[in-house]
Amino acid sequence: MVPLSVLDLVPVKAGHTPGEALRESLDLIRRVEGMGYRRYWVAEHHNMVGIASAATSVVIGHLAQGSQTIRVGSGGIMLPNHSPLLIAEQFGTLESLFPGRIDLGLGRAPGTDKATLRALRRHGSEAEDFPQDVRELQSLLAPVKPGQTVQAVPGAGTQVPLWILGSSLYGAHLAAEMGLPYAFASHFAPQACLAALKIYRSQFKPSTQLSKPYAMVGINAVAAESRKEARRLFTSLQQAFVHLFRGNRGYCAPPIEDIEAYWAPEERAQVNRMLEYSIVGDREDIAIGLGEILERTRADELMVSSHICHHPSRVASYALLAEVAESIMP
């Protein structure tokens, strides 16, 4: 069976607090752990009132402490925002606390706007150093070498597994060159997905971490017992993308009955392009959608984002997806 994993943006709803969102995420990880999901990732986003995972390593510790066996990690840490040493120390600490359960997914984008980038004391040019920073981070997590003057404590020798994340061809080349697992963000940037996977697989060089290519593909999934209800719940994600186009990064929006009355034709077209890798519907729809995406991508693993504001419906969506996946991918 192709493993399923969870990408949680820790959504904050209007009228609610980040604390409530974090507690719901803790409940969700405990539930999906019992459903058989392999890993649970959170992402670094800054200055977004609807996302509570900005302090990503802290959130990972919160989630790992509240779960037992599921892998917990970043999808991802935006490495240009940090020094490799600090990330090595943070994730070395997490690995020391939760051995064998921590993943470190690395992204090259800043994950925020220019004004917030300045508030982070970064300039944007740091992204040019991404390959060198990944290698430095890798060396800091490796066993200490004779004469090494700077060590990550904790961190050195923990060899936390690194992943390269991408939404373009850049990350595919780097992941292949470094022999690292690769996760493509097709849940919001699907256009280059197949080309990136082809590059990654064809150019992959084995490494001490990974002997053959391992590709994860991001998808959106909203599952419900009825097709109508799933489509209604999906409007929360559709609204979120419209908000981005309109410059309004707000809270997680409750679903609406008529999305067609909400967006303009050009917004609809753009949202549909960006959400191409989305599976929405009842059991039959989910089974068909999973089969089509796996046939198209030959993914080794699917990372599932279910942007549903009503927490019980989000839990139910992941449960139904896991049931369907098990029935079609024994």
C-alpha atoms as a PDB file:
ATOM      1  CA  MET A   1       0.000   0.000   0.000  1.00  0.00           C
ATOM      2  CA  VAL A   2       1.276   3.482  -0.862  1.00  0.00           C
ATOM      3  CA  PRO A   3       1.675   5.253   2.501  1.00  0.00           C
ATOM      4  CA  LEU A   4      -0.506   8.223   3.358  1.00  0.00           C
ATOM      5  CA  SER A   5       0.728  11.116   5.484  1.00  0.00           C
ATOM      6  CA  VAL A   6      -0.756  14.353   6.803  1.00  0.00           C
ATOM      7  CA  LEU A   7       0.175  17.960   6.096  1.00  0.00           C
ATOM      8  CA  ASP A   8      -1.448  20.187   8.723  1.00  0.00           C
ATOM      9  CA  LEU A   9      -1.361  23.973   8.398  1.00  0.00           C
ATOM     10  CA  VAL A  10      -2.831  24.244  11.926  1.00  0.00           C
ATOM     11  CA  PRO A  11      -5.720  26.419  10.695  1.00  0.00           C
ATOM     12  CA  VAL A  12      -7.065  29.164  12.948  1.00  0.00           C
ATOM     13  CA  LYS A  13     -10.765  29.900  12.567  1.00  0.00           C
ATOM     14  CA  ALA A  14     -12.348  33.351  12.913  1.00  0.00           C
ATOM     15  CA  GLY A  15     -13.302  33.970  16.518  1.00  0.00           C
ATOM     16  CA  HIS A  16     -10.887  31.312  17.741  1.00  0.00           C
ATOM     17  CA  THR A  17      -7.307  31.391  19.000  1.00  0.00           C
ATOM     18  CA  PRO A  18      -4.021  29.809  17.875  1.00  0.00           C
ATOM     19  CA  GLY A  19      -4.104  27.833  21.115  1.00  0.00           C
ATOM     20  CA  GLU A  20      -7.374  26.215  20.094  1.00  0.00           C
ATOM     21  CA  ALA A  21      -5.927  25.407  16.660  1.00  0.00           C
ATOM     22  CA  LEU A  22      -2.881  23.757  18.242  1.00  0.00           C
ATOM     23  CA  ARG A  23      -5.082  21.680  20.541  1.00  0.00           C
ATOM     24  CA  GLU A  24      -7.151  20.525  17.570  1.00  0.00           C
ATOM     25  CA  SER A  25      -3.957  19.525  15.773  1.00  0.00           C
ATOM     26  CA  LEU A  26      -2.905  17.518  18.819  1.00  0.00           C
ATOM     27  CA  ASP A  27      -6.242  15.723  18.712  1.00  0.00           C
ATOM     28  CA  LEU A  28      -5.870  15.131  14.974  1.00  0.00           C
ATOM     29  CA  ILE A  29      -2.400  13.596  15.184  1.00  0.00           C
ATOM     30  CA  ARG A  30      -3.588  11.191  17.867  1.00  0.00           C
ATOM     31  CA  ARG A  31      -6.482  10.126  15.676  1.00  0.00           C
ATOM     32  CA  VAL A  32      -4.620   9.738  12.378  1.00  0.00           C
ATOM     33  CA  GLU A  33      -1.901   7.788  14.165  1.00  0.00           C
ATOM     34  CA  GLY A  34      -4.522   5.157  14.878  1.00  0.00           C
ATOM     35  CA  MET A  35      -5.681   5.247  11.252  1.00  0.00           C
ATOM     36  CA  GLY A  36      -2.276   4.175   9.954  1.00  0.00           C
ATOM     37  CA  TYR A  37      -0.909   7.441   8.557  1.00  0.00           C
ATOM     38  CA  ARG A  38       2.886   7.308   8.337  1.00  0.00           C
ATOM     39  CA  ARG A  39       3.936  10.879   9.155  1.00  0.00           C
ATOM     40  CA  TYR A  40       2.500  14.224  10.231  1.00  0.00           C
ATOM     41  CA  TRP A  41       4.109  17.426   8.982  1.00  0.00           C
ATOM     42  CA  VAL A  42       3.571  21.108   9.758  1.00  0.00           C
ATOM     43  CA  ALA A  43       4.866  24.062   7.762  1.00  0.00           C
ATOM     44  CA  GLU A  44       6.615  27.341   8.465  1.00  0.00           C
ATOM     45  CA  HIS A  45       4.478  30.376   7.574  1.00  0.00           C
ATOM     46  CA  HIS A  46       4.850  33.837   9.075  1.00  0.00           C
ATOM     47  CA  ASN A  47       2.489  36.792   9.528  1.00  0.00           C
ATOM     48  CA  MET A  48      -0.594  34.743   8.616  1.00  0.00           C
ATOM     49  CA  VAL A  49      -3.404  34.973  11.168  1.00  0.00           C
ATOM     50  CA  GLY A  50      -5.016  31.779   9.870  1.00  0.00           C
ATOM     51  CA  ILE A  51      -1.966  29.538  10.366  1.00  0.00           C
ATOM     52  CA  ALA A  52      -0.560  28.710  13.822  1.00  0.00           C
ATOM     53  CA  SER A  53       2.629  26.823  12.896  1.00  0.00           C
ATOM     54  CA  ALA A  54       5.136  29.694  12.550  1.00  0.00           C
ATOM     55  CA  ALA A  55       7.310  28.353  15.393  1.00  0.00           C
ATOM     56  CA  THR A  56       7.544  25.063  13.521  1.00  0.00           C
ATOM     57  CA  SER A  57      10.027  23.181  15.676  1.00  0.00           C
ATOM     58  CA  VAL A  58       8.051  24.078  18.815  1.00  0.00           C
ATOM     59  CA  VAL A  59       4.842  22.788  17.221  1.00  0.00           C
ATOM     60  CA  ILE A  60       6.599  19.565  16.188  1.00  0.00           C
ATOM     61  CA  GLY A  61       7.664  19.022  19.798  1.00  0.00           C
ATOM     62  CA  HIS A  62       4.088  19.613  20.986  1.00  0.00           C
ATOM     63  CA  LEU A  63       2.729  17.069  18.498  1.00  0.00           C
ATOM     64  CA  ALA A  64       5.444  14.479  19.046  1.00  0.00           C
ATOM     65  CA  GLN A  65       4.956  14.661  22.814  1.00  0.00           C
ATOM     66  CA  GLY A  66       1.250  13.967  22.388  1.00  0.00           C
ATOM     67  CA  SER A  67       1.640  10.997  20.044  1.00  0.00           C
ATOM     68  CA  GLN A  68       3.392   7.642  20.206  1.00  0.00           C
ATOM     69  CA  THR A  69       4.675   6.169  16.944  1.00  0.00           C
ATOM     70  CA  ILE A  70       3.851   8.401  13.969  1.00  0.00           C
ATOM     71  CA  ARG A  71       6.765  10.337  12.442  1.00  0.00           C
ATOM     72  CA  VAL A  72       6.508  14.103  12.984  1.00  0.00           C
ATOM     73  CA  GLY A  73       8.310  16.752  10.986  1.00  0.00           C
ATOM     74  CA  SER A  74       8.444  19.875   8.885  1.00  0.00           C
ATOM     75  CA  GLY A  75       6.909  20.357   5.496  1.00  0.00           C
ATOM     76  CA  GLY A  76       8.832  22.461   5.691  1.00  0.00           C
ATOM     77  CA  ILE A  77      11.379  24.579   7.454  1.00  0.00           C
ATOM     78  CA  MET A  78      12.220  27.502   5.163  1.00  0.00           C
ATOM     79  CA  LEU A  79      15.974  27.230   5.505  1.00  0.00           C
ATOM     80  CA  PRO A  80      16.846  30.682   4.084  1.00  0.00           C
ATOM     81  CA  ASN A  81      15.109  32.151   7.148  1.00  0.00           C
ATOM     82  CA  HIS A  82      17.555  30.462   9.546  1.00  0.00           C
ATOM     83  CA  SER A  83      21.146  29.554  10.137  1.00  0.00           C
ATOM     84  CA  PRO A  84      21.865  25.840   9.584  1.00  0.00           C
ATOM     85  CA  LEU A  85      23.368  25.630  13.056  1.00  0.00           C
ATOM     86  CA  LEU A  86      20.154  26.744  14.769  1.00  0.00           C
ATOM     87  CA  ILE A  87      18.070  24.263  12.768  1.00  0.00           C
ATOM     88  CA  ALA A  88      20.560  21.481  13.534  1.00  0.00           C
ATOM     89  CA  GLU A  89      20.278  22.280  17.243  1.00  0.00           C
ATOM     90  CA  GLN A  90      16.473  22.459  17.172  1.00  0.00           C
ATOM     91  CA  PHE A  91      15.970  19.236  15.242  1.00  0.00           C
ATOM     92  CA  GLY A  92      18.819  17.519  17.059  1.00  0.00           C
ATOM     93  CA  THR A  93      16.950  18.311  20.269  1.00  0.00           C
ATOM     94  CA  LEU A  94      13.701  16.940  18.810  1.00  0.00           C
ATOM     95  CA  GLU A  95      15.458  13.762  17.667  1.00  0.00           C
ATOM     96  CA  SER A  96      17.044  13.375  21.099  1.00  0.00           C
ATOM     97  CA  LEU A  97      13.619  13.642  22.728  1.00  0.00           C
ATOM     98  CA  PHE A  98      11.759  11.511  20.184  1.00  0.00           C
ATOM     99  CA  PRO A  99      14.341   9.187  18.620  1.00  0.00           C
ATOM    100  CA  GLY A 100      13.501   7.738  15.227  1.00  0.00           C
ATOM    101  CA  ARG A 101      10.379   9.857  14.754  1.00  0.00           C
ATOM    102  CA  ILE A 102      11.580  13.230  13.407  1.00  0.00           C
ATOM    103  CA  ASP A 103      11.713  14.376   9.750  1.00  0.00           C
ATOM    104  CA  LEU A 104      13.319  17.586   8.517  1.00  0.00           C
ATOM    105  CA  GLY A 105      11.768  18.804   5.268  1.00  0.00           C
ATOM    106  CA  LEU A 106      13.537  21.851   3.830  1.00  0.00           C
ATOM    107  CA  GLY A 107      12.158  24.550   1.566  1.00  0.00           C
ATOM    108  CA  ARG A 108      13.906  27.320  -0.327  1.00  0.00           C
ATOM    109  CA  ALA A 109      11.088  29.892  -0.384  1.00  0.00           C
ATOM    110  CA  PRO A 110      10.774  32.377   2.487  1.00  0.00           C
ATOM    111  CA  GLY A 111       7.169  31.410   3.214  1.00  0.00           C
ATOM    112  CA  THR A 112       6.109  35.008   3.716  1.00  0.00           C
ATOM    113  CA  ASP A 113       6.042  38.509   2.199  1.00  0.00           C
ATOM    114  CA  LYS A 114       8.912  40.992   1.828  1.00  0.00           C
ATOM    115  CA  ALA A 115       7.965  43.104   4.837  1.00  0.00           C
ATOM    116  CA  THR A 116       7.859  40.053   7.093  1.00  0.00           C
ATOM    117  CA  LEU A 117      11.140  38.865   5.618  1.00  0.00           C
ATOM    118  CA  ARG A 118      12.718  42.115   6.787  1.00  0.00           C
ATOM    119  CA  ALA A 119      11.176  41.573  10.229  1.00  0.00           C
ATOM    120  CA  LEU A 120      12.891  38.179  10.267  1.00  0.00           C
ATOM    121  CA  ARG A 121      16.140  40.080   9.596  1.00  0.00           C
ATOM    122  CA  ARG A 122      16.530  38.369   6.227  1.00  0.00           C
ATOM    123  CA  HIS A 123      16.974  39.983   2.828  1.00  0.00           C
ATOM    124  CA  GLY A 124      15.780  37.409   0.309  1.00  0.00           C
ATOM    125  CA  SER A 125      19.198  36.766  -1.184  1.00  0.00           C
ATOM    126  CA  GLU A 126      19.735  33.924   1.308  1.00  0.00           C
ATOM    127  CA  ALA A 127      17.820  31.584  -1.011  1.00  0.00           C
ATOM    128  CA  GLU A 128      20.822  31.644  -3.355  1.00  0.00           C
ATOM    129  CA  ASP A 129      22.809  29.828  -0.661  1.00  0.00           C
ATOM    130  CA  PHE A 130      20.239  27.061  -0.224  1.00  0.00           C
ATOM    131  CA  PRO A 131      22.366  24.165  -1.584  1.00  0.00           C
ATOM    132  CA  GLN A 132      25.349  25.161   0.564  1.00  0.00           C
ATOM    133  CA  ASP A 133      23.102  25.590   3.616  1.00  0.00           C
ATOM    134  CA  VAL A 134      21.595  22.134   3.118  1.00  0.00           C
ATOM    135  CA  ARG A 135      25.077  20.617   2.953  1.00  0.00           C
ATOM    136  CA  GLU A 136      26.161  22.537   6.047  1.00  0.00           C
ATOM    137  CA  LEU A 137      23.074  21.345   7.908  1.00  0.00           C
ATOM    138  CA  GLN A 138      23.748  17.789   6.787  1.00  0.00           C
ATOM    139  CA  SER A 139      27.307  17.971   8.106  1.00  0.00           C
ATOM    140  CA  LEU A 140      26.148  19.414  11.448  1.00  0.00           C
ATOM    141  CA  LEU A 141      23.772  16.467  11.916  1.00  0.00           C
ATOM    142  CA  ALA A 142      26.470  13.938  10.973  1.00  0.00           C
ATOM    143  CA  PRO A 143      28.960  12.456  13.460  1.00  0.00           C
ATOM    144  CA  VAL A 144      31.603  14.951  14.557  1.00  0.00           C
ATOM    145  CA  LYS A 145      34.808  14.827  12.522  1.00  0.00           C
ATOM    146  CA  PRO A 146      38.308  15.230  13.994  1.00  0.00           C
ATOM    147  CA  GLY A 147      39.177  18.894  14.300  1.00  0.00           C
ATOM    148  CA  GLN A 148      35.598  20.099  13.784  1.00  0.00           C
ATOM    149  CA  THR A 149      35.376  23.418  15.604  1.00  0.00           C
ATOM    150  CA  VAL A 150      31.600  24.042  15.478  1.00  0.00           C
ATOM    151  CA  GLN A 151      29.197  21.370  16.701  1.00  0.00           C
ATOM    152  CA  ALA A 152      25.421  21.238  17.052  1.00  0.00           C
ATOM    153  CA  VAL A 153      24.635  20.158  20.612  1.00  0.00           C
ATOM    154  CA  PRO A 154      22.233  18.362  20.518  1.00  0.00           C
ATOM    155  CA  GLY A 155      22.378  17.545  16.830  1.00  0.00           C
ATOM    156  CA  ALA A 156      25.757  16.091  15.949  1.00  0.00           C
ATOM    157  CA  GLY A 157      25.434  12.414  15.153  1.00  0.00           C
ATOM    158  CA  THR A 158      21.633  12.374  15.185  1.00  0.00           C
ATOM    159  CA  GLN A 159      21.477  12.222  11.371  1.00  0.00           C
ATOM    160  CA  VAL A 160      17.888  13.459  11.250  1.00  0.00           C
ATOM    161  CA  PRO A 161      16.508  12.481   7.806  1.00  0.00           C
ATOM    162  CA  LEU A 162      16.463  15.427   5.418  1.00  0.00           C
ATOM    163  CA  TRP A 163      13.889  15.956   2.666  1.00  0.00           C
ATOM    164  CA  ILE A 164      14.003  18.489  -0.143  1.00  0.00           C
ATOM    165  CA  LEU A 165      10.664  20.177  -0.798  1.00  0.00           C
ATOM    166  CA  GLY A 166       9.826  21.866  -4.069  1.00  0.00           C
ATOM    167  CA  SER A 167       7.176  23.457  -6.252  1.00  0.00           C
ATOM    168  CA  SER A 168       9.401  23.874  -9.331  1.00  0.00           C
ATOM    169  CA  LEU A 169      12.205  22.001 -11.083  1.00  0.00           C
ATOM    170  CA  TYR A 170      14.917  23.485  -8.857  1.00  0.00           C
ATOM    171  CA  GLY A 171      14.338  21.207  -5.895  1.00  0.00           C
ATOM    172  CA  ALA A 172      14.145  18.127  -8.120  1.00  0.00           C
ATOM    173  CA  HIS A 173      17.670  18.733  -9.422  1.00  0.00           C
ATOM    174  CA  LEU A 174      19.026  19.346  -5.915  1.00  0.00           C
ATOM    175  CA  ALA A 175      17.306  16.344  -4.312  1.00  0.00           C
ATOM    176  CA  ALA A 176      18.580  14.103  -7.110  1.00  0.00           C
ATOM    177  CA  GLU A 177      22.138  15.454  -6.851  1.00  0.00           C
ATOM    178  CA  MET A 178      22.236  15.030  -3.062  1.00  0.00           C
ATOM    179  CA  GLY A 179      20.481  11.666  -3.008  1.00  0.00           C
ATOM    180  CA  LEU A 180      17.679  12.862  -0.729  1.00  0.00           C
ATOM    181  CA  PRO A 181      13.941  12.096  -0.676  1.00  0.00           C
ATOM    182  CA  TYR A 182      11.843  14.635  -2.562  1.00  0.00           C
ATOM    183  CA  ALA A 183       8.404  16.045  -1.783  1.00  0.00           C
ATOM    184  CA  PHE A 184       6.588  18.039  -4.471  1.00  0.00           C
ATOM    185  CA  ALA A 185       3.994  20.647  -3.468  1.00  0.00           C
ATOM    186  CA  SER A 186       1.443  19.648  -6.095  1.00  0.00           C
ATOM    187  CA  HIS A 187      -1.365  20.453  -3.650  1.00  0.00           C
ATOM    188  CA  PHE A 188      -0.955  24.114  -4.627  1.00  0.00           C
ATOM    189  CA  ALA A 189       1.549  24.187  -7.533  1.00  0.00           C
ATOM    190  CA  PRO A 190       0.745  21.223  -9.788  1.00  0.00           C
ATOM    191  CA  GLN A 191       2.005  22.476 -13.152  1.00  0.00           C
ATOM    192  CA  ALA A 192       5.614  21.279 -12.863  1.00  0.00           C
ATOM    193  CA  CYS A 193       4.902  18.138 -10.863  1.00  0.00           C
ATOM    194  CA  LEU A 194       5.392  15.464 -13.523  1.00  0.00           C
ATOM    195  CA  ALA A 195       8.420  17.182 -15.047  1.00  0.00           C
ATOM    196  CA  ALA A 196      10.021  17.541 -11.611  1.00  0.00           C
ATOM    197  CA  LEU A 197       9.424  13.893 -10.754  1.00  0.00           C
ATOM    198  CA  LYS A 198      10.954  12.813 -14.071  1.00  0.00           C
ATOM    199  CA  ILE A 199      14.078  14.889 -13.425  1.00  0.00           C
ATOM    200  CA  TYR A 200      14.387  13.626  -9.877  1.00  0.00           C
ATOM    201  CA  ARG A 201      14.089   9.962 -10.811  1.00  0.00           C
ATOM    202  CA  SER A 202      16.310  10.118 -13.875  1.00  0.00           C
ATOM    203  CA  GLN A 203      19.118  12.120 -12.258  1.00  0.00           C
ATOM    204  CA  PHE A 204      19.085  10.554  -8.783  1.00  0.00           C
ATOM    205  CA  LYS A 205      22.458   9.686  -7.250  1.00  0.00           C
ATOM    206  CA  PRO A 206      22.473   7.237  -4.308  1.00  0.00           C
ATOM    207  CA  SER A 207      23.657   8.595  -0.969  1.00  0.00           C
ATOM    208  CA  THR A 208      24.292   7.342   2.547  1.00  0.00           C
ATOM    209  CA  GLN A 209      20.708   8.363   3.433  1.00  0.00           C
ATOM    210  CA  LEU A 210      18.907   6.940   0.397  1.00  0.00           C
ATOM    211  CA  SER A 211      19.825   4.231  -2.118  1.00  0.00           C
ATOM    212  CA  LYS A 212      17.070   4.903  -4.676  1.00  0.00           C
ATOM    213  CA  PRO A 213      14.620   7.735  -5.455  1.00  0.00           C
ATOM    214  CA  TYR A 214      11.736   8.278  -3.068  1.00  0.00           C
ATOM    215  CA  ALA A 215       9.107  10.781  -4.195  1.00  0.00           C
ATOM    216  CA  MET A 216       6.240  12.150  -2.155  1.00  0.00           C
ATOM    217  CA  VAL A 217       3.388  14.020  -3.846  1.00  0.00           C
ATOM    218  CA  GLY A 218       1.148  16.536  -2.075  1.00  0.00           C
ATOM    219  CA  ILE A 219      -2.606  16.381  -2.621  1.00  0.00           C
ATOM    220  CA  ASN A 220      -5.709  18.022  -1.216  1.00  0.00           C
ATOM    221  CA  ALA A 221      -8.431  15.662  -0.088  1.00  0.00           C
ATOM    222  CA  VAL A 222     -11.895  16.358   1.256  1.00  0.00           C
ATOM    223  CA  ALA A 223     -13.910  13.206   1.839  1.00  0.00           C
ATOM    224  CA  ALA A 224     -17.445  12.870   3.191  1.00  0.00           C
ATOM    225  CA  GLU A 225     -20.249  10.349   3.063  1.00  0.00           C
ATOM    226  CA  SER A 226     -22.002  12.464   0.434  1.00  0.00           C
ATOM    227  CA  ARG A 227     -20.561  14.193  -2.603  1.00  0.00           C
ATOM    228  CA  LYS A 228     -22.583  17.320  -1.838  1.00  0.00           C
ATOM    229  CA  GLU A 229     -21.164  17.635   1.671  1.00  0.00           C
ATOM    230  CA  ALA A 230     -17.594  17.099   0.498  1.00  0.00           C
ATOM    231  CA  ARG A 231     -17.951  19.818  -2.112  1.00  0.00           C
ATOM    232  CA  ARG A 232     -19.416  22.168   0.497  1.00  0.00           C
ATOM    233  CA  LEU A 233     -16.493  21.533   2.870  1.00  0.00           C
ATOM    234  CA  PHE A 234     -14.040  22.078  -0.005  1.00  0.00           C
ATOM    235  CA  THR A 235     -15.229  25.677  -0.363  1.00  0.00           C
ATOM    236  CA  SER A 236     -13.104  26.612   2.670  1.00  0.00           C
ATOM    237  CA  LEU A 237      -9.942  25.869   0.687  1.00  0.00           C
ATOM    238  CA  GLN A 238     -11.307  27.513  -2.438  1.00  0.00           C
ATOM    239  CA  GLN A 239     -12.034  30.656  -0.447  1.00  0.00           C
ATOM    240  CA  ALA A 240      -8.532  30.598   1.044  1.00  0.00           C
ATOM    241  CA  PHE A 241      -6.981  30.839  -2.419  1.00  0.00           C
ATOM    242  CA  VAL A 242      -9.363  33.597  -3.460  1.00  0.00           C
ATOM    243  CA  HIS A 243      -8.349  35.480  -0.311  1.00  0.00           C
ATOM    244  CA  LEU A 244      -4.697  35.203  -1.362  1.00  0.00           C
ATOM    245  CA  PHE A 245      -5.497  36.623  -4.808  1.00  0.00           C
ATOM    246  CA  ARG A 246      -7.349  39.521  -3.174  1.00  0.00           C
ATOM    247  CA  GLY A 247      -4.539  40.220  -0.716  1.00  0.00           C
ATOM    248  CA  ASN A 248      -6.561  39.110   2.266  1.00  0.00           C
ATOM    249  CA  ARG A 249      -4.755  36.391   4.227  1.00  0.00           C
ATOM    250  CA  GLY A 250      -7.515  35.806   6.738  1.00  0.00           C
ATOM    251  CA  TYR A 251      -8.709  33.080   9.044  1.00  0.00           C
ATOM    252  CA  CYS A 252      -9.906  29.653   8.000  1.00  0.00           C
ATOM    253  CA  ALA A 253     -13.247  30.418   6.355  1.00  0.00           C
ATOM    254  CA  PRO A 254     -16.350  28.361   7.103  1.00  0.00           C
ATOM    255  CA  PRO A 255     -17.816  26.562   4.090  1.00  0.00           C
ATOM    256  CA  ILE A 256     -20.425  28.256   1.944  1.00  0.00           C
ATOM    257  CA  GLU A 257     -23.278  26.813  -0.075  1.00  0.00           C
ATOM    258  CA  ASP A 258     -22.610  28.547  -3.403  1.00  0.00           C
ATOM    259  CA  ILE A 259     -18.972  29.102  -4.331  1.00  0.00           C
ATOM    260  CA  GLU A 260     -19.976  30.246  -7.810  1.00  0.00           C
ATOM    261  CA  ALA A 261     -21.582  33.351  -6.334  1.00  0.00           C
ATOM    262  CA  TYR A 262     -18.411  34.076  -4.371  1.00  0.00           C
ATOM    263  CA  TRP A 263     -15.655  34.231  -6.967  1.00  0.00           C
ATOM    264  CA  ALA A 264     -15.099  35.923 -10.308  1.00  0.00           C
ATOM    265  CA  PRO A 265     -14.573  33.771 -13.431  1.00  0.00           C
ATOM    266  CA  GLU A 266     -10.851  34.525 -13.563  1.00  0.00           C
ATOM    267  CA  GLU A 267     -10.489  33.638  -9.865  1.00  0.00           C
ATOM    268  CA  ARG A 268     -12.303  30.367 -10.457  1.00  0.00           C
ATOM    269  CA  ALA A 269      -9.987  29.484 -13.336  1.00  0.00           C
ATOM    270  CA  GLN A 270      -6.861  30.250 -11.319  1.00  0.00           C
ATOM    271  CA  VAL A 271      -8.048  28.344  -8.247  1.00  0.00           C
ATOM    272  CA  ASN A 272      -8.951  25.311 -10.341  1.00  0.00           C
ATOM    273  CA  ARG A 273      -5.482  25.322 -11.919  1.00  0.00           C
ATOM    274  CA  MET A 274      -3.760  25.516  -8.554  1.00  0.00           C
ATOM    275  CA  LEU A 275      -5.976  22.840  -6.970  1.00  0.00           C
ATOM    276  CA  GLU A 276      -5.700  20.334  -9.805  1.00  0.00           C
ATOM    277  CA  TYR A 277      -4.316  17.701  -7.427  1.00  0.00           C
ATOM    278  CA  SER A 278      -7.427  17.626  -5.261  1.00  0.00           C
ATOM    279  CA  ILE A 279      -9.747  14.716  -4.522  1.00  0.00           C
ATOM    280  CA  VAL A 280     -13.186  15.770  -3.345  1.00  0.00           C
ATOM    281  CA  GLY A 281     -16.274  13.637  -2.874  1.00  0.00           C
ATOM    282  CA  ASP A 282     -17.728  10.454  -1.463  1.00  0.00           C
ATOM    283  CA  ARG A 283     -16.083   7.038  -1.218  1.00  0.00           C
ATOM    284  CA  GLU A 284     -16.392   6.330  -4.923  1.00  0.00           C
ATOM    285  CA  ASP A 285     -14.946   9.719  -5.900  1.00  0.00           C
ATOM    286  CA  ILE A 286     -12.048   9.286  -3.480  1.00  0.00           C
ATOM    287  CA  ALA A 287     -11.212   5.821  -4.813  1.00  0.00           C
ATOM    288  CA  ILE A 288     -11.193   7.049  -8.407  1.00  0.00           C
ATOM    289  CA  GLY A 289      -9.176  10.154  -7.545  1.00  0.00           C
ATOM    290  CA  LEU A 290      -6.532   8.243  -5.597  1.00  0.00           C
ATOM    291  CA  GLY A 291      -6.117   5.765  -8.418  1.00  0.00           C
ATOM    292  CA  GLU A 292      -5.737   8.489 -11.033  1.00  0.00           C
ATOM    293  CA  ILE A 293      -3.118  10.443  -9.059  1.00  0.00           C
ATOM    294  CA  LEU A 294      -1.081   7.345  -8.263  1.00  0.00           C
ATOM    295  CA  GLU A 295      -1.184   6.223 -11.888  1.00  0.00           C
ATOM    296  CA  ARG A 296      -0.149   9.675 -13.069  1.00  0.00           C
ATOM    297  CA  THR A 297       2.666  10.297 -10.586  1.00  0.00           C
ATOM    298  CA  ARG A 298       3.800   6.820  -9.462  1.00  0.00           C
ATOM    299  CA  ALA A 299       4.299   8.449  -6.065  1.00  0.00           C
ATOM    300  CA  ASP A 300       5.992   6.459  -3.321  1.00  0.00           C
ATOM    301  CA  GLU A 301       3.898   8.328  -0.748  1.00  0.00           C
ATOM    302  CA  LEU A 302       1.021  10.810  -0.685  1.00  0.00           C
ATOM    303  CA  MET A 303       1.054  13.798   1.664  1.00  0.00           C
ATOM    304  CA  VAL A 304      -2.569  14.775   2.262  1.00  0.00           C
ATOM    305  CA  SER A 305      -3.763  18.242   3.191  1.00  0.00           C
ATOM    306  CA  SER A 306      -7.402  18.496   4.278  1.00  0.00           C
ATOM    307  CA  HIS A 307      -8.175  22.180   4.749  1.00  0.00           C
ATOM    308  CA  ILE A 308     -11.462  21.751   6.579  1.00  0.00           C
ATOM    309  CA  CYS A 309     -12.393  24.295   9.227  1.00  0.00           C
ATOM    310  CA  HIS A 310     -14.853  22.102  11.155  1.00  0.00           C
ATOM    311  CA  HIS A 311     -12.587  19.844  13.195  1.00  0.00           C
ATOM    312  CA  PRO A 312     -14.892  16.784  13.448  1.00  0.00           C
ATOM    313  CA  SER A 313     -15.386  16.921   9.661  1.00  0.00           C
ATOM    314  CA  ARG A 314     -11.615  17.119   9.160  1.00  0.00           C
ATOM    315  CA  VAL A 315     -11.092  14.038  11.331  1.00  0.00           C
ATOM    316  CA  ALA A 316     -13.875  12.206   9.473  1.00  0.00           C
ATOM    317  CA  SER A 317     -12.326  13.124   6.110  1.00  0.00           C
ATOM    318  CA  TYR A 318      -8.959  11.612   7.048  1.00  0.00           C
ATOM    319  CA  ALA A 319     -10.692   8.510   8.413  1.00  0.00           C
ATOM    320  CA  LEU A 320     -12.717   7.950   5.245  1.00  0.00           C
ATOM    321  CA  LEU A 321      -9.657   8.535   3.060  1.00  0.00           C
ATOM    322  CA  ALA A 322      -7.663   5.940   5.008  1.00  0.00           C
ATOM    323  CA  GLU A 323     -10.493   3.409   4.718  1.00  0.00           C
ATOM    324  CA  VAL A 324     -10.798   3.889   0.966  1.00  0.00           C
ATOM    325  CA  ALA A 325      -7.030   3.772   0.436  1.00  0.00           C
ATOM    326  CA  GLU A 326      -6.785   0.480   2.288  1.00  0.00           C
ATOM    327  CA  SER A 327      -9.573  -1.018   0.190  1.00  0.00           C
ATOM    328  CA  ILE A 328      -8.006  -0.075  -3.169  1.00  0.00           C
ATOM    329  CA  MET A 329      -4.310  -0.360  -2.224  1.00  0.00           C
ATOM    330  CA  PRO A 330      -4.015  -3.563  -0.147  1.00  0.00           C
END
